[in-house]
Amino acid sequence: MQEPTALRRDLVQGFYSLIYENVVNVFEPLIRLGGNNDGGYLCPGSLIAGSSACFSPGVATMCDFDLDYVRIFKKPLYAIDGTVDALAGSDEYQDLIFFEKAWLGSRAFPDGEKWYSLQEWVNACVGTSQDNLILQMDIEGHEWGLFKSEDMYFMRRFDLIMVEIHDLRYINTDEGFGFFSAILARLMSVFGVLHVHPNNNTVYYADGLNVYPECMELTLVNLYTVPHVKAPVNLADGFQRHALDFPCVKDRDEIQMPVFT
């Protein structure tokens, strides 16, 4: 994909419009699982408590959310990552944590590496009928290809998705905007936006009004299974910071979500 050469405010505004117009409210306060910096997510406690299992691809060495999930809620967690040999800190919860060294994504991985699509992995772990699942995912940009290719009827098995989306600089090109916006719109056909938090680790542009993050953390809820009301956010107001939000990189200033006037 072509690297952008300048900020395309019209395209950026169009992308953020897809997020802001799909915000929902679920009638309960959010809790934070995971640490106070990178790796923590805001989510509704009732959906976590009522979940049947959590799927966590891309655990790497930061798994505070995963350990909080099994420690507090005593639910099974399935983790996958081709870059590590085990889930750090998981020895105490061996009866609840099921880790596999493998990749989630496409067949583009090197020969000999084990890989799954999301649907294949979930079905292998819990069968084809178990619902009330949670997906917590940070797979460094591969989320776009996953959301593009996965069957959206299958995705309805997840009540809640917490995902970090990457490579947002590319929305400043016609090609990148078309690619990312189409995938985001596809995802929004099943899920609503409950919470957004920009990652302050990398910024691709600042224009005096906004600082534009390269990555954002999203909490999404299933529009088919979770009671909700639509609560779209005005572009001129932006998505407001939550009291439980903390900078992903603690020694850098927090980034506010962009506004458009």
Protein backbone atom coordinates (compact mmCIF):
# COMPACT_ATOMS: atom_id res chain seq x y z
CA MET A 1 0.00 0.00 0.00
CA GLN A 2 1.33 3.45 -0.92
CA GLU A 3 2.76 5.53 1.92
CA PRO A 4 0.90 8.82 2.46
CA THR A 5 2.72 12.07 1.71
CA ALA A 6 0.41 14.52 3.50
CA LEU A 7 -2.63 14.72 5.75
CA ARG A 8 -5.87 14.21 3.79
CA ARG A 9 -8.32 15.80 6.18
CA ASP A 10 -11.34 14.86 4.04
CA LEU A 11 -10.41 11.18 4.14
CA VAL A 12 -9.49 11.21 7.82
CA GLN A 13 -12.79 12.85 8.70
CA GLY A 14 -14.65 10.27 6.66
CA PHE A 15 -12.93 7.43 8.51
CA TYR A 16 -13.60 8.87 11.96
CA SER A 17 -17.21 9.54 10.96
CA LEU A 18 -17.69 5.77 10.65
CA ILE A 19 -16.54 5.37 14.24
CA TYR A 20 -18.39 8.33 15.77
CA GLU A 21 -21.73 7.61 14.10
CA ASN A 22 -21.71 4.01 15.34
CA VAL A 23 -21.20 4.70 19.06
CA VAL A 24 -23.63 2.91 21.39
CA ASN A 25 -24.49 2.92 25.10
CA VAL A 26 -25.07 -0.31 27.05
CA PHE A 27 -26.59 1.08 30.27
CA GLU A 28 -23.77 0.20 32.66
CA PRO A 29 -20.41 1.60 33.78
CA LEU A 30 -17.25 0.27 32.21
CA ILE A 31 -14.54 -1.53 34.14
CA ARG A 32 -10.87 -1.81 33.24
CA LEU A 33 -9.16 -5.17 32.79
CA GLY A 34 -5.40 -5.28 32.42
CA GLY A 35 -2.82 -2.77 33.56
CA ASN A 36 -3.11 1.00 33.60
CA ASN A 37 -1.04 1.39 30.45
CA ASP A 38 -0.72 -0.58 27.22
CA GLY A 39 -2.65 -3.85 27.29
CA GLY A 40 -5.59 -2.69 29.40
CA TYR A 41 -9.11 -2.34 27.96
CA LEU A 42 -12.38 -0.84 29.13
CA CYS A 43 -15.39 -3.15 28.92
CA PRO A 44 -18.81 -3.82 30.49
CA GLY A 45 -18.39 -6.04 33.54
CA SER A 46 -21.66 -7.91 32.93
CA LEU A 47 -20.52 -9.08 29.49
CA ILE A 48 -17.21 -10.29 30.90
CA ALA A 49 -18.97 -12.06 33.78
CA GLY A 50 -21.52 -13.62 31.42
CA SER A 51 -19.01 -14.75 28.82
CA SER A 52 -18.34 -18.41 28.17
CA ALA A 53 -14.69 -17.96 27.10
CA CYS A 54 -12.20 -15.36 25.89
CA PHE A 55 -10.07 -15.71 22.75
CA SER A 56 -6.86 -13.73 22.82
CA PRO A 57 -4.65 -13.77 19.72
CA GLY A 58 -1.38 -11.86 19.81
CA VAL A 59 -0.56 -12.12 23.51
CA ALA A 60 3.23 -11.64 23.08
CA THR A 61 4.73 -10.86 26.51
CA MET A 62 2.00 -8.45 27.66
CA CYS A 63 -0.97 -10.40 28.99
CA ASP A 64 -2.34 -8.43 31.95
CA PHE A 65 -5.85 -8.47 30.46
CA ASP A 66 -5.74 -12.23 29.98
CA LEU A 67 -4.56 -12.91 33.52
CA ASP A 68 -7.17 -10.54 34.99
CA TYR A 69 -9.87 -12.35 33.03
CA VAL A 70 -9.04 -15.79 34.40
CA ARG A 71 -8.10 -14.56 37.89
CA ILE A 72 -11.24 -12.49 38.51
CA PHE A 73 -13.89 -14.28 36.46
CA LYS A 74 -12.56 -17.86 36.47
CA LYS A 75 -13.39 -18.37 32.79
CA PRO A 76 -11.40 -20.30 30.16
CA LEU A 77 -9.03 -18.30 28.01
CA TYR A 78 -7.63 -19.44 24.66
CA ALA A 79 -4.47 -17.69 23.53
CA ILE A 80 -2.41 -17.93 20.37
CA ASP A 81 0.85 -16.32 19.28
CA GLY A 82 3.61 -17.44 16.96
CA THR A 83 6.24 -15.23 18.59
CA VAL A 84 6.31 -16.73 22.10
CA ASP A 85 6.45 -20.24 23.56
CA ALA A 86 4.01 -19.72 26.43
CA LEU A 87 1.71 -17.17 28.04
CA ALA A 88 3.78 -15.29 30.62
CA GLY A 89 2.53 -15.73 34.18
CA SER A 90 0.03 -18.44 33.28
CA ASP A 91 1.41 -21.28 35.45
CA GLU A 92 -1.04 -20.51 38.27
CA TYR A 93 -4.03 -20.89 35.94
CA GLN A 94 -3.12 -23.97 33.93
CA ASP A 95 -6.65 -25.34 34.23
CA LEU A 96 -8.13 -22.21 32.59
CA ILE A 97 -5.52 -21.03 30.07
CA PHE A 98 -5.00 -22.90 26.80
CA PHE A 99 -2.09 -21.56 24.75
CA GLU A 100 -0.90 -22.61 21.32
CA LYS A 101 2.18 -21.35 19.51
CA ALA A 102 0.69 -20.57 16.12
CA TRP A 103 -0.39 -17.68 13.91
CA LEU A 104 -3.77 -16.17 13.26
CA GLY A 105 -4.22 -14.81 9.77
CA SER A 106 -3.47 -15.78 6.20
CA ARG A 107 -1.40 -18.44 4.47
CA ALA A 108 1.31 -15.85 3.91
CA PHE A 109 3.21 -17.06 6.96
CA PRO A 110 6.50 -18.94 6.37
CA ASP A 111 6.39 -22.57 5.34
CA GLY A 112 6.19 -24.85 8.33
CA GLU A 113 4.50 -22.28 10.56
CA LYS A 114 1.11 -23.27 11.94
CA TRP A 115 -1.71 -20.85 11.21
CA TYR A 116 -5.49 -20.62 11.59
CA SER A 117 -8.29 -18.40 10.50
CA LEU A 118 -10.21 -17.07 13.50
CA GLN A 119 -13.18 -19.33 12.75
CA GLU A 120 -10.98 -22.42 12.45
CA TRP A 121 -9.27 -21.66 15.75
CA VAL A 122 -12.49 -20.97 17.66
CA ASN A 123 -14.20 -24.07 16.28
CA ALA A 124 -11.18 -26.21 17.16
CA CYS A 125 -11.27 -24.94 20.75
CA VAL A 126 -14.99 -24.80 21.63
CA GLY A 127 -16.88 -26.31 18.72
CA THR A 128 -19.28 -24.63 16.33
CA SER A 129 -22.20 -23.71 18.59
CA GLN A 130 -20.82 -22.07 21.75
CA ASP A 131 -21.76 -18.38 21.94
CA ASN A 132 -21.24 -15.50 24.42
CA LEU A 133 -17.57 -15.37 23.47
CA ILE A 134 -15.12 -12.50 23.89
CA LEU A 135 -12.32 -11.55 21.51
CA GLN A 136 -9.36 -9.52 22.74
CA MET A 137 -6.88 -9.01 19.93
CA ASP A 138 -3.66 -7.15 19.18
CA ILE A 139 -2.09 -8.68 16.07
CA GLU A 140 -0.10 -5.70 14.77
CA GLY A 141 -2.07 -4.76 11.66
CA HIS A 142 -3.27 -8.25 10.67
CA GLU A 143 -6.67 -7.41 12.18
CA TRP A 144 -7.67 -5.68 8.93
CA GLY A 145 -7.22 -8.81 6.84
CA LEU A 146 -8.97 -10.88 9.49
CA PHE A 147 -12.03 -8.63 9.63
CA LYS A 148 -12.11 -8.50 5.84
CA SER A 149 -12.13 -12.28 5.41
CA GLU A 150 -14.04 -13.68 8.41
CA ASP A 151 -17.70 -14.58 7.96
CA MET A 152 -19.76 -11.93 9.77
CA TYR A 153 -22.43 -14.44 10.77
CA PHE A 154 -19.70 -16.37 12.58
CA MET A 155 -18.54 -13.12 14.21
CA ARG A 156 -21.94 -12.84 15.92
CA ARG A 157 -20.72 -15.50 18.34
CA PHE A 158 -18.70 -12.73 20.02
CA ASP A 159 -20.65 -10.48 22.39
CA LEU A 160 -17.62 -8.26 22.88
CA ILE A 161 -14.49 -7.41 20.91
CA MET A 162 -11.52 -5.45 22.23
CA VAL A 163 -9.04 -4.78 19.46
CA GLU A 164 -6.17 -2.46 18.72
CA ILE A 165 -6.34 -1.21 15.13
CA HIS A 166 -3.07 -0.24 13.46
CA ASP A 167 -1.58 1.53 10.41
CA LEU A 168 -4.02 4.43 10.48
CA ARG A 169 -1.65 6.68 8.52
CA TYR A 170 -2.82 4.86 5.39
CA ILE A 171 -6.27 6.41 5.57
CA ASN A 172 -4.56 9.50 4.12
CA THR A 173 -4.44 7.85 0.68
CA ASP A 174 -7.40 7.01 -1.55
CA GLU A 175 -6.37 3.35 -1.61
CA GLY A 176 -5.92 3.10 2.15
CA PHE A 177 -9.10 4.98 2.96
CA GLY A 178 -11.13 2.75 0.64
CA PHE A 179 -9.60 -0.41 2.09
CA PHE A 180 -9.90 0.45 5.79
CA SER A 181 -13.29 2.16 5.54
CA ALA A 182 -14.87 -0.79 3.73
CA ILE A 183 -13.62 -3.19 6.42
CA LEU A 184 -14.72 -0.90 9.23
CA ALA A 185 -18.19 -0.53 7.69
CA ARG A 186 -18.41 -4.32 7.38
CA LEU A 187 -17.53 -4.69 11.06
CA MET A 188 -20.07 -2.01 12.02
CA SER A 189 -22.83 -4.09 10.42
CA VAL A 190 -22.63 -6.39 13.45
CA PHE A 191 -20.89 -4.36 16.17
CA GLY A 192 -21.29 -0.93 17.74
CA VAL A 193 -18.52 1.21 19.23
CA LEU A 194 -18.61 1.35 23.01
CA HIS A 195 -15.22 2.88 23.73
CA VAL A 196 -12.26 4.31 21.84
CA HIS A 197 -8.81 5.15 23.17
CA PRO A 198 -5.93 6.44 21.03
CA ASN A 199 -2.53 4.85 21.58
CA ASN A 200 0.02 7.57 22.29
CA ASN A 201 2.99 5.45 21.27
CA THR A 202 3.08 6.65 17.65
CA VAL A 203 1.64 9.77 16.02
CA TYR A 204 1.62 10.16 12.24
CA TYR A 205 0.54 13.82 11.99
CA ALA A 206 -0.46 16.89 14.00
CA ASP A 207 -2.16 19.90 12.43
CA GLY A 208 -2.66 22.36 15.28
CA LEU A 209 -6.18 21.12 15.98
CA ASN A 210 -5.64 17.37 16.28
CA VAL A 211 -2.92 14.84 16.91
CA TYR A 212 -3.57 11.75 14.80
CA PRO A 213 -2.60 8.37 16.29
CA GLU A 214 -1.22 5.47 14.31
CA CYS A 215 -3.12 2.99 16.51
CA MET A 216 -6.35 2.99 18.52
CA GLU A 217 -7.95 0.64 21.03
CA LEU A 218 -11.61 -0.14 20.34
CA THR A 219 -14.21 -1.85 22.50
CA LEU A 220 -17.07 -3.16 20.34
CA VAL A 221 -20.36 -4.77 21.36
CA ASN A 222 -22.58 -7.11 19.39
CA LEU A 223 -25.67 -5.27 18.12
CA TYR A 224 -27.60 -8.54 17.86
CA THR A 225 -27.01 -9.92 21.35
CA VAL A 226 -26.27 -6.95 23.65
CA PRO A 227 -29.04 -4.52 24.74
CA HIS A 228 -28.00 -1.02 23.67
CA VAL A 229 -29.11 2.36 22.40
CA LYS A 230 -27.41 4.33 19.67
CA ALA A 231 -25.40 7.28 20.98
CA PRO A 232 -23.60 8.84 17.99
CA VAL A 233 -20.87 11.35 18.75
CA ASN A 234 -20.76 14.74 17.07
CA LEU A 235 -17.64 15.24 14.97
CA ALA A 236 -17.17 18.67 16.51
CA ASP A 237 -17.15 17.20 20.02
CA GLY A 238 -15.06 14.10 19.47
CA PHE A 239 -15.00 10.98 21.65
CA GLN A 240 -14.38 12.08 25.22
CA ARG A 241 -11.70 10.54 27.38
CA HIS A 242 -13.00 8.12 30.03
CA ALA A 243 -11.95 8.39 33.69
CA LEU A 244 -10.41 4.91 33.46
CA ASP A 245 -8.31 5.73 30.39
CA PHE A 246 -4.56 5.93 30.88
CA PRO A 247 -1.74 6.63 28.40
CA CYS A 248 -0.49 3.48 26.70
CA VAL A 249 3.04 4.86 27.14
CA LYS A 250 3.00 6.31 30.65
CA ASP A 251 5.78 8.88 30.21
CA ARG A 252 4.18 10.51 27.15
CA ASP A 253 1.24 12.88 26.98
CA GLU A 254 -2.18 11.37 26.38
CA ILE A 255 -3.75 11.92 22.93
CA GLN A 256 -7.30 13.17 22.59
CA MET A 257 -9.57 11.78 19.89
CA PRO A 258 -9.75 14.10 16.83
CA VAL A 259 -12.49 16.68 16.38
CA PHE A 260 -13.67 18.08 13.05
CA THR A 261 -15.30 21.48 12.66
